[in-house]
Structure formats: C-alpha cells, structure tokens
C-alpha cells in the first residue's frame, strides 16, 4: 500500500505504488473537545464520502479500536502483555483483526496512525 499526506491531517491510501484510484482516506480528528475519536476512515469511490471506520482510543498508549459503520469493533491495537515482569517498549503491540475487515486494511491503518502520532 502507498500513503500520501495531504492538507488538514488527511492521509490518502492507495493499493500498491500507484497514485490512481485511492482505496480510502484517513482524517485525523483535531477536535478541541475531549473525545475518544482519533481518526475517521472514509471511502473515496463515490461522490459523497462516507465514514466506513472510526478509530477510537489512544494510539500513543497502543490501546485503540477500529469500529465499522455499524459500531462493531473490527480491529484492536493492544500493548503486548509482559510475562514474568518483563516490559516491552511502545513499539511492541498486538493487532487483533476480526473477519469483517481485511487484515491488510487493518495493518494499513496502523501504519497511518503511526505517521499521525509519531
């Protein structure tokens, strides 16, 4: 997948190395209100964009969820749990993916979130 940052904290995701026919856009939520929403994932195929996923939680804490348009959790990012008192760094986490979302899309969202919050 190929990613491009555009204006207003908006990332455009493409399939492969091409910049034609974007798969979707991810927009960072920049609301000043205390909200759980990190970003919205929108379709790009039609004239009216519709939100297909919403990402909530804290990416910096590696604790966030991806919800579909029916508010079902389709993917989760969680810190990897240590065994025997050993702690892992922030870059060690688990990505739990439900059958309702393509695993490559879920991983693409992780890459975009990493770009948003680095």
PDB file of N, CA and C in Angstrom:
ATOM      1  N   UNK A   1       0.837  -1.172   0.000  1.00  0.00           N
ATOM      2  CA  UNK A   1       0.000   0.000   0.000  1.00  0.00           C
ATOM      3  C   UNK A   1       0.881   1.233   0.000  1.00  0.00           C
ATOM      4  N   UNK A   2       0.344   2.296  -0.525  1.00  0.00           N
ATOM      5  CA  UNK A   2       1.061   3.544  -0.696  1.00  0.00           C
ATOM      6  C   UNK A   2       0.269   4.635   0.016  1.00  0.00           C
ATOM      7  N   UNK A   3       0.949   5.515   0.766  1.00  0.00           N
ATOM      8  CA  UNK A   3       0.288   6.543   1.567  1.00  0.00           C
ATOM      9  C   UNK A   3       0.775   7.919   1.147  1.00  0.00           C
ATOM     10  N   UNK A   4      -0.141   8.871   1.109  1.00  0.00           N
ATOM     11  CA  UNK A   4       0.212  10.258   0.849  1.00  0.00           C
ATOM     12  C   UNK A   4      -0.463  11.140   1.888  1.00  0.00           C
ATOM     13  N   UNK A   5       0.298  12.074   2.450  1.00  0.00           N
ATOM     14  CA  UNK A   5      -0.273  13.060   3.365  1.00  0.00           C
ATOM     15  C   UNK A   5      -0.736  14.233   2.543  1.00  0.00           C
ATOM     16  N   UNK A   6      -1.976  14.658   2.783  1.00  0.00           N
ATOM     17  CA  UNK A   6      -2.462  15.854   2.118  1.00  0.00           C
ATOM     18  C   UNK A   6      -2.729  16.906   3.195  1.00  0.00           C
ATOM     19  N   UNK A   7      -3.336  17.976   2.835  1.00  0.00           N
ATOM     20  CA  UNK A   7      -3.616  19.044   3.787  1.00  0.00           C
ATOM     21  C   UNK A   7      -4.620  18.598   4.847  1.00  0.00           C
ATOM     22  N   UNK A   8      -4.622  19.297   5.979  1.00  0.00           N
ATOM     23  CA  UNK A   8      -5.583  19.088   7.063  1.00  0.00           C
ATOM     24  C   UNK A   8      -5.482  17.722   7.713  1.00  0.00           C
ATOM     25  N   UNK A   9      -4.272  17.196   7.892  1.00  0.00           N
ATOM     26  CA  UNK A   9      -4.087  15.902   8.542  1.00  0.00           C
ATOM     27  C   UNK A   9      -4.957  14.822   7.908  1.00  0.00           C
ATOM     28  N   UNK A  10      -4.849  14.712   6.625  1.00  0.00           N
ATOM     29  CA  UNK A  10      -5.637  13.760   5.851  1.00  0.00           C
ATOM     30  C   UNK A  10      -4.672  12.874   5.055  1.00  0.00           C
ATOM     31  N   UNK A  11      -4.733  11.562   5.254  1.00  0.00           N
ATOM     32  CA  UNK A  11      -3.870  10.624   4.554  1.00  0.00           C
ATOM     33  C   UNK A  11      -4.697   9.874   3.521  1.00  0.00           C
ATOM     34  N   UNK A  12      -4.143   9.720   2.337  1.00  0.00           N
ATOM     35  CA  UNK A  12      -4.805   9.001   1.258  1.00  0.00           C
ATOM     36  C   UNK A  12      -4.064   7.685   1.073  1.00  0.00           C
ATOM     37  N   UNK A  13      -4.807   6.582   1.054  1.00  0.00           N
ATOM     38  CA  UNK A  13      -4.208   5.247   0.969  1.00  0.00           C
ATOM     39  C   UNK A  13      -4.526   4.653  -0.401  1.00  0.00           C
ATOM     40  N   UNK A  14      -3.455   4.193  -1.073  1.00  0.00           N
ATOM     41  CA  UNK A  14      -3.559   3.600  -2.399  1.00  0.00           C
ATOM     42  C   UNK A  14      -3.128   2.147  -2.343  1.00  0.00           C
ATOM     43  N   UNK A  15      -3.570   1.377  -3.303  1.00  0.00           N
ATOM     44  CA  UNK A  15      -3.158  -0.006  -3.426  1.00  0.00           C
ATOM     45  C   UNK A  15      -1.911  -0.069  -4.294  1.00  0.00           C
ATOM     46  N   UNK A  16      -0.824  -0.538  -3.730  1.00  0.00           N
ATOM     47  CA  UNK A  16       0.415  -0.650  -4.489  1.00  0.00           C
ATOM     48  C   UNK A  16       1.153   0.663  -4.581  1.00  0.00           C
ATOM     49  N   UNK A  17       1.901   0.845  -5.663  1.00  0.00           N
ATOM     50  CA  UNK A  17       2.737   2.027  -5.844  1.00  0.00           C
ATOM     51  C   UNK A  17       2.100   3.087  -6.727  1.00  0.00           C
ATOM     52  N   UNK A  18       0.849   2.964  -7.025  1.00  0.00           N
ATOM     53  CA  UNK A  18       0.182   3.898  -7.922  1.00  0.00           C
ATOM     54  C   UNK A  18      -0.521   5.006  -7.141  1.00  0.00           C
ATOM     55  N   UNK A  19      -0.684   6.149  -7.756  1.00  0.00           N
ATOM     56  CA  UNK A  19      -1.434   7.243  -7.134  1.00  0.00           C
ATOM     57  C   UNK A  19      -2.781   7.455  -7.824  1.00  0.00           C
ATOM     58  N   UNK A  20      -3.267   6.420  -8.471  1.00  0.00           N
ATOM     59  CA  UNK A  20      -4.607   6.498  -9.060  1.00  0.00           C
ATOM     60  C   UNK A  20      -5.526   5.555  -8.288  1.00  0.00           C
ATOM     61  N   UNK A  21      -6.773   5.870  -8.271  1.00  0.00           N
ATOM     62  CA  UNK A  21      -7.796   5.073  -7.592  1.00  0.00           C
ATOM     63  C   UNK A  21      -7.476   4.823  -6.112  1.00  0.00           C
ATOM     64  N   UNK A  22      -7.549   5.858  -5.288  1.00  0.00           N
ATOM     65  CA  UNK A  22      -7.278   5.650  -3.857  1.00  0.00           C
ATOM     66  C   UNK A  22      -8.282   4.695  -3.232  1.00  0.00           C
ATOM     67  N   UNK A  23      -7.814   3.904  -2.258  1.00  0.00           N
ATOM     68  CA  UNK A  23      -8.688   2.958  -1.559  1.00  0.00           C
ATOM     69  C   UNK A  23      -9.570   3.671  -0.546  1.00  0.00           C
ATOM     70  N   UNK A  24      -8.953   4.552   0.256  1.00  0.00           N
ATOM     71  CA  UNK A  24      -9.693   5.308   1.254  1.00  0.00           C
ATOM     72  C   UNK A  24      -8.829   6.440   1.779  1.00  0.00           C
ATOM     73  N   UNK A  25      -9.446   7.341   2.538  1.00  0.00           N
ATOM     74  CA  UNK A  25      -8.714   8.419   3.188  1.00  0.00           C
ATOM     75  C   UNK A  25      -8.886   8.283   4.691  1.00  0.00           C
ATOM     76  N   UNK A  26      -7.867   8.700   5.429  1.00  0.00           N
ATOM     77  CA  UNK A  26      -7.912   8.682   6.880  1.00  0.00           C
ATOM     78  C   UNK A  26      -7.690  10.110   7.348  1.00  0.00           C
ATOM     79  N   UNK A  27      -8.638  10.635   8.111  1.00  0.00           N
ATOM     80  CA  UNK A  27      -8.577  12.007   8.586  1.00  0.00           C
ATOM     81  C   UNK A  27      -8.412  12.023  10.097  1.00  0.00           C
ATOM     82  N   UNK A  28      -7.370  12.702  10.554  1.00  0.00           N
ATOM     83  CA  UNK A  28      -7.109  12.825  11.983  1.00  0.00           C
ATOM     84  C   UNK A  28      -8.143  13.739  12.607  1.00  0.00           C
ATOM     85  N   UNK A  29      -8.681  13.313  13.739  1.00  0.00           N
ATOM     86  CA  UNK A  29      -9.644  14.140  14.460  1.00  0.00           C
ATOM     87  C   UNK A  29      -8.869  15.200  15.219  1.00  0.00           C
ATOM     88  N   UNK A  30      -9.129  16.457  14.920  1.00  0.00           N
ATOM     89  CA  UNK A  30      -8.425  17.559  15.565  1.00  0.00           C
ATOM     90  C   UNK A  30      -9.371  18.393  16.428  1.00  0.00           C
ATOM     91  N   UNK A  31     -10.413  17.778  16.932  1.00  0.00           N
ATOM     92  CA  UNK A  31     -11.392  18.463  17.772  1.00  0.00           C
ATOM     93  C   UNK A  31     -10.752  18.875  19.095  1.00  0.00           C
ATOM     94  N   UNK A  32     -11.106  20.038  19.564  1.00  0.00           N
ATOM     95  CA  UNK A  32     -10.612  20.504  20.853  1.00  0.00           C
ATOM     96  C   UNK A  32     -11.404  19.914  22.010  1.00  0.00           C
ATOM     97  N   UNK A  33     -12.534  19.315  21.711  1.00  0.00           N
ATOM     98  CA  UNK A  33     -13.336  18.677  22.741  1.00  0.00           C
ATOM     99  C   UNK A  33     -12.670  17.378  23.166  1.00  0.00           C
ATOM    100  N   UNK A  34     -12.892  16.984  24.400  1.00  0.00           N
ATOM    101  CA  UNK A  34     -12.340  15.722  24.885  1.00  0.00           C
ATOM    102  C   UNK A  34     -13.130  14.584  24.250  1.00  0.00           C
ATOM    103  N   UNK A  35     -12.550  13.963  23.256  1.00  0.00           N
ATOM    104  CA  UNK A  35     -13.238  12.906  22.526  1.00  0.00           C
ATOM    105  C   UNK A  35     -12.325  11.695  22.406  1.00  0.00           C
ATOM    106  N   UNK A  36     -12.930  10.525  22.291  1.00  0.00           N
ATOM    107  CA  UNK A  36     -12.157   9.286  22.137  1.00  0.00           C
ATOM    108  C   UNK A  36     -11.739   9.063  20.691  1.00  0.00           C
ATOM    109  N   UNK A  37     -12.353   9.781  19.776  1.00  0.00           N
ATOM    110  CA  UNK A  37     -12.106   9.560  18.363  1.00  0.00           C
ATOM    111  C   UNK A  37     -10.725  10.064  17.947  1.00  0.00           C
ATOM    112  N   UNK A  38      -9.933   9.180  17.347  1.00  0.00           N
ATOM    113  CA  UNK A  38      -8.609   9.547  16.836  1.00  0.00           C
ATOM    114  C   UNK A  38      -8.669   9.934  15.366  1.00  0.00           C
ATOM    115  N   UNK A  39      -9.459   9.168  14.598  1.00  0.00           N
ATOM    116  CA  UNK A  39      -9.483   9.373  13.155  1.00  0.00           C
ATOM    117  C   UNK A  39     -10.730   8.747  12.550  1.00  0.00           C
ATOM    118  N   UNK A  40     -11.056   9.216  11.348  1.00  0.00           N
ATOM    119  CA  UNK A  40     -12.153   8.664  10.563  1.00  0.00           C
ATOM    120  C   UNK A  40     -11.589   8.152   9.249  1.00  0.00           C
ATOM    121  N   UNK A  41     -12.052   6.992   8.829  1.00  0.00           N
ATOM    122  CA  UNK A  41     -11.653   6.402   7.558  1.00  0.00           C
ATOM    123  C   UNK A  41     -12.850   6.528   6.618  1.00  0.00           C
ATOM    124  N   UNK A  42     -12.617   7.172   5.478  1.00  0.00           N
ATOM    125  CA  UNK A  42     -13.714   7.438   4.546  1.00  0.00           C
ATOM    126  C   UNK A  42     -13.471   6.765   3.207  1.00  0.00           C
ATOM    127  N   UNK A  43     -14.568   6.391   2.579  1.00  0.00           N
ATOM    128  CA  UNK A  43     -14.492   5.814   1.235  1.00  0.00           C
ATOM    129  C   UNK A  43     -14.144   6.918   0.248  1.00  0.00           C
ATOM    130  N   UNK A  44     -13.598   6.531  -0.881  1.00  0.00           N
ATOM    131  CA  UNK A  44     -13.237   7.518  -1.903  1.00  0.00           C
ATOM    132  C   UNK A  44     -13.889   7.233  -3.240  1.00  0.00           C
ATOM    133  N   UNK A  45     -14.619   6.141  -3.350  1.00  0.00           N
ATOM    134  CA  UNK A  45     -15.161   5.722  -4.635  1.00  0.00           C
ATOM    135  C   UNK A  45     -16.345   6.515  -5.125  1.00  0.00           C
ATOM    136  N   UNK A  46     -17.135   7.075  -4.238  1.00  0.00           N
ATOM    137  CA  UNK A  46     -18.345   7.776  -4.681  1.00  0.00           C
ATOM    138  C   UNK A  46     -18.155   9.281  -4.538  1.00  0.00           C
ATOM    139  N   UNK A  47     -19.132  10.035  -5.031  1.00  0.00           N
ATOM    140  CA  UNK A  47     -19.059  11.495  -4.955  1.00  0.00           C
ATOM    141  C   UNK A  47     -19.251  11.984  -3.522  1.00  0.00           C
ATOM    142  N   UNK A  48     -19.996  11.239  -2.733  1.00  0.00           N
ATOM    143  CA  UNK A  48     -20.178  11.602  -1.334  1.00  0.00           C
ATOM    144  C   UNK A  48     -19.356  10.659  -0.480  1.00  0.00           C
ATOM    145  N   UNK A  49     -18.438  11.236   0.276  1.00  0.00           N
ATOM    146  CA  UNK A  49     -17.614  10.409   1.152  1.00  0.00           C
ATOM    147  C   UNK A  49     -18.464   9.939   2.320  1.00  0.00           C
ATOM    148  N   UNK A  50     -18.292   8.686   2.678  1.00  0.00           N
ATOM    149  CA  UNK A  50     -18.975   8.178   3.856  1.00  0.00           C
ATOM    150  C   UNK A  50     -17.936   7.537   4.762  1.00  0.00           C
ATOM    151  N   UNK A  51     -18.147   7.678   6.053  1.00  0.00           N
ATOM    152  CA  UNK A  51     -17.228   7.103   7.021  1.00  0.00           C
ATOM    153  C   UNK A  51     -17.449   5.595   7.054  1.00  0.00           C
ATOM    154  N   UNK A  52     -16.390   4.836   6.815  1.00  0.00           N
ATOM    155  CA  UNK A  52     -16.504   3.380   6.834  1.00  0.00           C
ATOM    156  C   UNK A  52     -15.916   2.790   8.116  1.00  0.00           C
ATOM    157  N   UNK A  53     -14.968   3.513   8.727  1.00  0.00           N
ATOM    158  CA  UNK A  53     -14.397   3.091  10.006  1.00  0.00           C
ATOM    159  C   UNK A  53     -14.130   4.326  10.866  1.00  0.00           C
ATOM    160  N   UNK A  54     -14.233   4.136  12.161  1.00  0.00           N
ATOM    161  CA  UNK A  54     -13.831   5.166  13.107  1.00  0.00           C
ATOM    162  C   UNK A  54     -12.838   4.532  14.071  1.00  0.00           C
ATOM    163  N   UNK A  55     -11.775   5.260  14.355  1.00  0.00           N
ATOM    164  CA  UNK A  55     -10.738   4.749  15.249  1.00  0.00           C
ATOM    165  C   UNK A  55     -10.804   5.539  16.544  1.00  0.00           C
ATOM    166  N   UNK A  56     -10.920   4.816  17.661  1.00  0.00           N
ATOM    167  CA  UNK A  56     -11.036   5.445  18.973  1.00  0.00           C
ATOM    168  C   UNK A  56      -9.976   4.906  19.916  1.00  0.00           C
ATOM    169  N   UNK A  57      -9.615   5.706  20.901  1.00  0.00           N
ATOM    170  CA  UNK A  57      -8.675   5.278  21.931  1.00  0.00           C
ATOM    171  C   UNK A  57      -7.443   6.140  21.951  1.00  0.00           C
ATOM    172  N   UNK A  58      -6.314   5.532  22.297  1.00  0.00           N
ATOM    173  CA  UNK A  58      -5.036   6.238  22.380  1.00  0.00           C
ATOM    174  C   UNK A  58      -3.975   5.430  21.643  1.00  0.00           C
ATOM    175  N   UNK A  59      -3.540   5.945  20.495  1.00  0.00           N
ATOM    176  CA  UNK A  59      -2.510   5.224  19.760  1.00  0.00           C
ATOM    177  C   UNK A  59      -1.166   5.315  20.473  1.00  0.00           C
ATOM    178  N   UNK A  60      -0.890   6.426  21.120  1.00  0.00           N
ATOM    179  CA  UNK A  60       0.381   6.558  21.832  1.00  0.00           C
ATOM    180  C   UNK A  60       0.498   5.541  22.963  1.00  0.00           C
ATOM    181  N   UNK A  61      -0.634   5.132  23.527  1.00  0.00           N
ATOM    182  CA  UNK A  61      -0.646   4.090  24.556  1.00  0.00           C
ATOM    183  C   UNK A  61      -0.842   2.702  23.951  1.00  0.00           C
ATOM    184  N   UNK A  62      -0.972   2.626  22.634  1.00  0.00           N
ATOM    185  CA  UNK A  62      -1.229   1.372  21.908  1.00  0.00           C
ATOM    186  C   UNK A  62      -2.469   0.665  22.465  1.00  0.00           C
ATOM    187  N   UNK A  63      -3.513   1.458  22.604  1.00  0.00           N
ATOM    188  CA  UNK A  63      -4.786   0.946  23.115  1.00  0.00           C
ATOM    189  C   UNK A  63      -5.906   1.631  22.338  1.00  0.00           C
ATOM    190  N   UNK A  64      -6.243   1.085  21.178  1.00  0.00           N
ATOM    191  CA  UNK A  64      -7.318   1.690  20.400  1.00  0.00           C
ATOM    192  C   UNK A  64      -8.071   0.633  19.611  1.00  0.00           C
ATOM    193  N   UNK A  65      -9.260   1.022  19.180  1.00  0.00           N
ATOM    194  CA  UNK A  65     -10.171   0.115  18.479  1.00  0.00           C
ATOM    195  C   UNK A  65     -10.640   0.744  17.180  1.00  0.00           C
ATOM    196  N   UNK A  66     -10.892  -0.115  16.194  1.00  0.00           N
ATOM    197  CA  UNK A  66     -11.436   0.307  14.910  1.00  0.00           C
ATOM    198  C   UNK A  66     -12.873  -0.204  14.850  1.00  0.00           C
ATOM    199  N   UNK A  67     -13.814   0.716  14.632  1.00  0.00           N
ATOM    200  CA  UNK A  67     -15.232   0.368  14.552  1.00  0.00           C
ATOM    201  C   UNK A  67     -15.727   0.563  13.130  1.00  0.00           C
ATOM    202  N   UNK A  68     -16.581  -0.348  12.671  1.00  0.00           N
ATOM    203  CA  UNK A  68     -17.166  -0.199  11.345  1.00  0.00           C
ATOM    204  C   UNK A  68     -18.362   0.744  11.416  1.00  0.00           C
ATOM    205  N   UNK A  69     -19.066   0.903  10.304  1.00  0.00           N
ATOM    206  CA  UNK A  69     -20.198   1.834  10.260  1.00  0.00           C
ATOM    207  C   UNK A  69     -21.400   1.360  11.078  1.00  0.00           C
ATOM    208  N   UNK A  70     -21.371   0.113  11.572  1.00  0.00           N
ATOM    209  CA  UNK A  70     -22.431  -0.398  12.453  1.00  0.00           C
ATOM    210  C   UNK A  70     -21.992  -0.378  13.913  1.00  0.00           C
ATOM    211  N   UNK A  71     -20.838   0.257  14.187  1.00  0.00           N
ATOM    212  CA  UNK A  71     -20.241   0.370  15.527  1.00  0.00           C
ATOM    213  C   UNK A  71     -19.803  -0.983  16.088  1.00  0.00           C
ATOM    214  N   UNK A  72     -19.471  -1.922  15.225  1.00  0.00           N
ATOM    215  CA  UNK A  72     -18.899  -3.194  15.651  1.00  0.00           C
ATOM    216  C   UNK A  72     -17.381  -3.053  15.638  1.00  0.00           C
ATOM    217  N   UNK A  73     -16.735  -3.540  16.679  1.00  0.00           N
ATOM    218  CA  UNK A  73     -15.277  -3.496  16.743  1.00  0.00           C
ATOM    219  C   UNK A  73     -14.717  -4.526  15.766  1.00  0.00           C
ATOM    220  N   UNK A  74     -13.960  -4.057  14.766  1.00  0.00           N
ATOM    221  CA  UNK A  74     -13.423  -4.955  13.747  1.00  0.00           C
ATOM    222  C   UNK A  74     -11.916  -5.158  13.882  1.00  0.00           C
ATOM    223  N   UNK A  75     -11.253  -4.312  14.674  1.00  0.00           N
ATOM    224  CA  UNK A  75      -9.817  -4.470  14.916  1.00  0.00           C
ATOM    225  C   UNK A  75      -9.449  -3.727  16.198  1.00  0.00           C
ATOM    226  N   UNK A  76      -8.422  -4.253  16.883  1.00  0.00           N
ATOM    227  CA  UNK A  76      -7.945  -3.628  18.105  1.00  0.00           C
ATOM    228  C   UNK A  76      -6.431  -3.628  18.135  1.00  0.00           C
ATOM    229  N   UNK A  77      -5.878  -2.562  18.651  1.00  0.00           N
ATOM    230  CA  UNK A  77      -4.443  -2.478  18.898  1.00  0.00           C
ATOM    231  C   UNK A  77      -4.283  -2.479  20.408  1.00  0.00           C
ATOM    232  N   UNK A  78      -3.491  -3.420  20.916  1.00  0.00           N
ATOM    233  CA  UNK A  78      -3.269  -3.543  22.354  1.00  0.00           C
ATOM    234  C   UNK A  78      -1.783  -3.722  22.616  1.00  0.00           C
ATOM    235  N   UNK A  79      -1.343  -3.187  23.740  1.00  0.00           N
ATOM    236  CA  UNK A  79       0.045  -3.411  24.151  1.00  0.00           C
ATOM    237  C   UNK A  79       0.266  -4.892  24.380  1.00  0.00           C
ATOM    238  N   UNK A  80       1.404  -5.360  24.005  1.00  0.00           N
ATOM    239  CA  UNK A  80       1.772  -6.754  24.261  1.00  0.00           C
ATOM    240  C   UNK A  80       1.993  -6.921  25.758  1.00  0.00           C
ATOM    241  N   UNK A  81       1.349  -7.927  26.319  1.00  0.00           N
ATOM    242  CA  UNK A  81       1.448  -8.162  27.753  1.00  0.00           C
ATOM    243  C   UNK A  81       2.746  -8.877  28.084  1.00  0.00           C
ATOM    244  N   UNK A  82       3.411  -8.375  29.103  1.00  0.00           N
ATOM    245  CA  UNK A  82       4.687  -8.954  29.511  1.00  0.00           C
ATOM    246  C   UNK A  82       4.466 -10.214  30.331  1.00  0.00           C
ATOM    247  N   UNK A  83       5.432 -11.115  30.256  1.00  0.00           N
ATOM    248  CA  UNK A  83       5.398 -12.346  31.043  1.00  0.00           C
ATOM    249  C   UNK A  83       6.571 -12.305  32.014  1.00  0.00           C
ATOM    250  N   UNK A  84       6.304 -12.576  33.260  1.00  0.00           N
ATOM    251  CA  UNK A  84       7.377 -12.628  34.255  1.00  0.00           C
ATOM    252  C   UNK A  84       7.971 -11.281  34.600  1.00  0.00           C
ATOM    253  N   UNK A  85       7.193 -10.215  34.485  1.00  0.00           N
ATOM    254  CA  UNK A  85       7.673  -8.898  34.879  1.00  0.00           C
ATOM    255  C   UNK A  85       8.486  -8.163  33.833  1.00  0.00           C
ATOM    256  N   UNK A  86       8.681  -8.755  32.675  1.00  0.00           N
ATOM    257  CA  UNK A  86       9.425  -8.097  31.602  1.00  0.00           C
ATOM    258  C   UNK A  86       8.485  -7.122  30.898  1.00  0.00           C
ATOM    259  N   UNK A  87       8.947  -5.899  30.681  1.00  0.00           N
ATOM    260  CA  UNK A  87       8.112  -4.929  29.981  1.00  0.00           C
ATOM    261  C   UNK A  87       8.636  -4.733  28.562  1.00  0.00           C
ATOM    262  N   UNK A  88       7.726  -4.454  27.662  1.00  0.00           N
ATOM    263  CA  UNK A  88       8.059  -4.223  26.265  1.00  0.00           C
ATOM    264  C   UNK A  88       7.969  -2.732  25.977  1.00  0.00           C
ATOM    265  N   UNK A  89       8.652  -2.292  24.941  1.00  0.00           N
ATOM    266  CA  UNK A  89       8.578  -0.903  24.522  1.00  0.00           C
ATOM    267  C   UNK A  89       7.242  -0.606  23.849  1.00  0.00           C
ATOM    268  N   UNK A  90       7.029   0.670  23.573  1.00  0.00           N
ATOM    269  CA  UNK A  90       5.778   1.095  22.956  1.00  0.00           C
ATOM    270  C   UNK A  90       5.571   0.575  21.550  1.00  0.00           C
ATOM    271  N   UNK A  91       6.642   0.128  20.909  1.00  0.00           N
ATOM    272  CA  UNK A  91       6.503  -0.367  19.543  1.00  0.00           C
ATOM    273  C   UNK A  91       6.169  -1.855  19.481  1.00  0.00           C
ATOM    274  N   UNK A  92       5.954  -2.482  20.626  1.00  0.00           N
ATOM    275  CA  UNK A  92       5.568  -3.894  20.671  1.00  0.00           C
ATOM    276  C   UNK A  92       4.092  -3.954  21.066  1.00  0.00           C
ATOM    277  N   UNK A  93       3.277  -4.395  20.146  1.00  0.00           N
ATOM    278  CA  UNK A  93       1.832  -4.438  20.393  1.00  0.00           C
ATOM    279  C   UNK A  93       1.212  -5.574  19.604  1.00  0.00           C
ATOM    280  N   UNK A  94      -0.060  -5.838  19.909  1.00  0.00           N
ATOM    281  CA  UNK A  94      -0.819  -6.866  19.185  1.00  0.00           C
ATOM    282  C   UNK A  94      -1.873  -6.181  18.346  1.00  0.00           C
ATOM    283  N   UNK A  95      -2.080  -6.701  17.166  1.00  0.00           N
ATOM    284  CA  UNK A  95      -3.160  -6.241  16.300  1.00  0.00           C
ATOM    285  C   UNK A  95      -4.146  -7.387  16.173  1.00  0.00           C
ATOM    286  N   UNK A  96      -5.313  -7.220  16.762  1.00  0.00           N
ATOM    287  CA  UNK A  96      -6.355  -8.241  16.714  1.00  0.00           C
ATOM    288  C   UNK A  96      -7.336  -7.858  15.616  1.00  0.00           C
ATOM    289  N   UNK A  97      -7.513  -8.735  14.630  1.00  0.00           N
ATOM    290  CA  UNK A  97      -8.329  -8.431  13.458  1.00  0.00           C
ATOM    291  C   UNK A  97      -9.489  -9.405  13.381  1.00  0.00           C
ATOM    292  N   UNK A  98     -10.692  -8.878  13.257  1.00  0.00           N
ATOM    293  CA  UNK A  98     -11.898  -9.684  13.104  1.00  0.00           C
ATOM    294  C   UNK A  98     -12.112  -9.993  11.619  1.00  0.00           C
ATOM    295  N   UNK A  99     -12.908 -11.030  11.317  1.00  0.00           N
ATOM    296  CA  UNK A  99     -13.137 -11.412   9.913  1.00  0.00           C
ATOM    297  C   UNK A  99     -13.826 -10.328   9.073  1.00  0.00           C
ATOM    298  N   UNK A 100     -14.447  -9.347   9.711  1.00  0.00           N
ATOM    299  CA  UNK A 100     -15.188  -8.315   8.973  1.00  0.00           C
ATOM    300  C   UNK A 100     -14.288  -7.275   8.309  1.00  0.00           C
ATOM    301  N   UNK A 101     -12.981  -7.311   8.567  1.00  0.00           N
ATOM    302  CA  UNK A 101     -12.071  -6.342   7.952  1.00  0.00           C
ATOM    303  C   UNK A 101     -10.887  -7.093   7.343  1.00  0.00           C
ATOM    304  N   UNK A 102     -10.432  -6.627   6.213  1.00  0.00           N
ATOM    305  CA  UNK A 102      -9.270  -7.212   5.546  1.00  0.00           C
ATOM    306  C   UNK A 102      -8.031  -6.925   6.405  1.00  0.00           C
ATOM    307  N   UNK A 103      -7.236  -7.938   6.725  1.00  0.00           N
ATOM    308  CA  UNK A 103      -6.042  -7.717   7.556  1.00  0.00           C
ATOM    309  C   UNK A 103      -5.064  -6.693   6.969  1.00  0.00           C
ATOM    310  N   UNK A 104      -4.984  -6.603   5.640  1.00  0.00           N
ATOM    311  CA  UNK A 104      -4.086  -5.609   5.051  1.00  0.00           C
ATOM    312  C   UNK A 104      -4.599  -4.195   5.284  1.00  0.00           C
ATOM    313  N   UNK A 105      -5.915  -4.021   5.303  1.00  0.00           N
ATOM    314  CA  UNK A 105      -6.500  -2.714   5.609  1.00  0.00           C
ATOM    315  C   UNK A 105      -6.231  -2.364   7.073  1.00  0.00           C
ATOM    316  N   UNK A 106      -6.404  -3.332   7.975  1.00  0.00           N
ATOM    317  CA  UNK A 106      -6.135  -3.094   9.397  1.00  0.00           C
ATOM    318  C   UNK A 106      -4.678  -2.693   9.603  1.00  0.00           C
ATOM    319  N   UNK A 107      -3.754  -3.359   8.942  1.00  0.00           N
ATOM    320  CA  UNK A 107      -2.339  -3.013   9.080  1.00  0.00           C
ATOM    321  C   UNK A 107      -2.047  -1.657   8.448  1.00  0.00           C
ATOM    322  N   UNK A 108      -2.697  -1.339   7.348  1.00  0.00           N
ATOM    323  CA  UNK A 108      -2.526  -0.022   6.726  1.00  0.00           C
ATOM    324  C   UNK A 108      -2.973   1.071   7.698  1.00  0.00           C
ATOM    325  N   UNK A 109      -4.041   0.822   8.443  1.00  0.00           N
ATOM    326  CA  UNK A 109      -4.499   1.798   9.426  1.00  0.00           C
ATOM    327  C   UNK A 109      -3.465   1.989  10.540  1.00  0.00           C
ATOM    328  N   UNK A 110      -2.798   0.911  10.937  1.00  0.00           N
ATOM    329  CA  UNK A 110      -1.731   1.013  11.944  1.00  0.00           C
ATOM    330  C   UNK A 110      -0.598   1.887  11.412  1.00  0.00           C
ATOM    331  N   UNK A 111      -0.223   1.693  10.157  1.00  0.00           N
ATOM    332  CA  UNK A 111       0.854   2.486   9.566  1.00  0.00           C
ATOM    333  C   UNK A 111       0.463   3.961   9.511  1.00  0.00           C
ATOM    334  N   UNK A 112      -0.773   4.247   9.119  1.00  0.00           N
ATOM    335  CA  UNK A 112      -1.239   5.631   9.063  1.00  0.00           C
ATOM    336  C   UNK A 112      -1.254   6.238  10.467  1.00  0.00           C
ATOM    337  N   UNK A 113      -1.761   5.492  11.457  1.00  0.00           N
ATOM    338  CA  UNK A 113      -1.767   6.004  12.832  1.00  0.00           C
ATOM    339  C   UNK A 113      -0.352   6.286  13.312  1.00  0.00           C
ATOM    340  N   UNK A 114       0.583   5.437  12.946  1.00  0.00           N
ATOM    341  CA  UNK A 114       1.973   5.660  13.325  1.00  0.00           C
ATOM    342  C   UNK A 114       2.491   6.958  12.730  1.00  0.00           C
ATOM    343  N   UNK A 115       2.122   7.248  11.497  1.00  0.00           N
ATOM    344  CA  UNK A 115       2.513   8.502  10.852  1.00  0.00           C
ATOM    345  C   UNK A 115       1.844   9.710  11.525  1.00  0.00           C
ATOM    346  N   UNK A 116       0.591   9.545  11.921  1.00  0.00           N
ATOM    347  CA  UNK A 116      -0.146  10.635  12.566  1.00  0.00           C
ATOM    348  C   UNK A 116       0.423  11.017  13.916  1.00  0.00           C
ATOM    349  N   UNK A 117       0.854  10.020  14.670  1.00  0.00           N
ATOM    350  CA  UNK A 117       1.226  10.243  16.071  1.00  0.00           C
ATOM    351  C   UNK A 117       2.701  10.033  16.351  1.00  0.00           C
ATOM    352  N   UNK A 118       3.573  10.152  15.355  1.00  0.00           N
ATOM    353  CA  UNK A 118       4.999   9.983  15.598  1.00  0.00           C
ATOM    354  C   UNK A 118       5.647  11.237  16.115  1.00  0.00           C
TER     355      UNK A 118
END
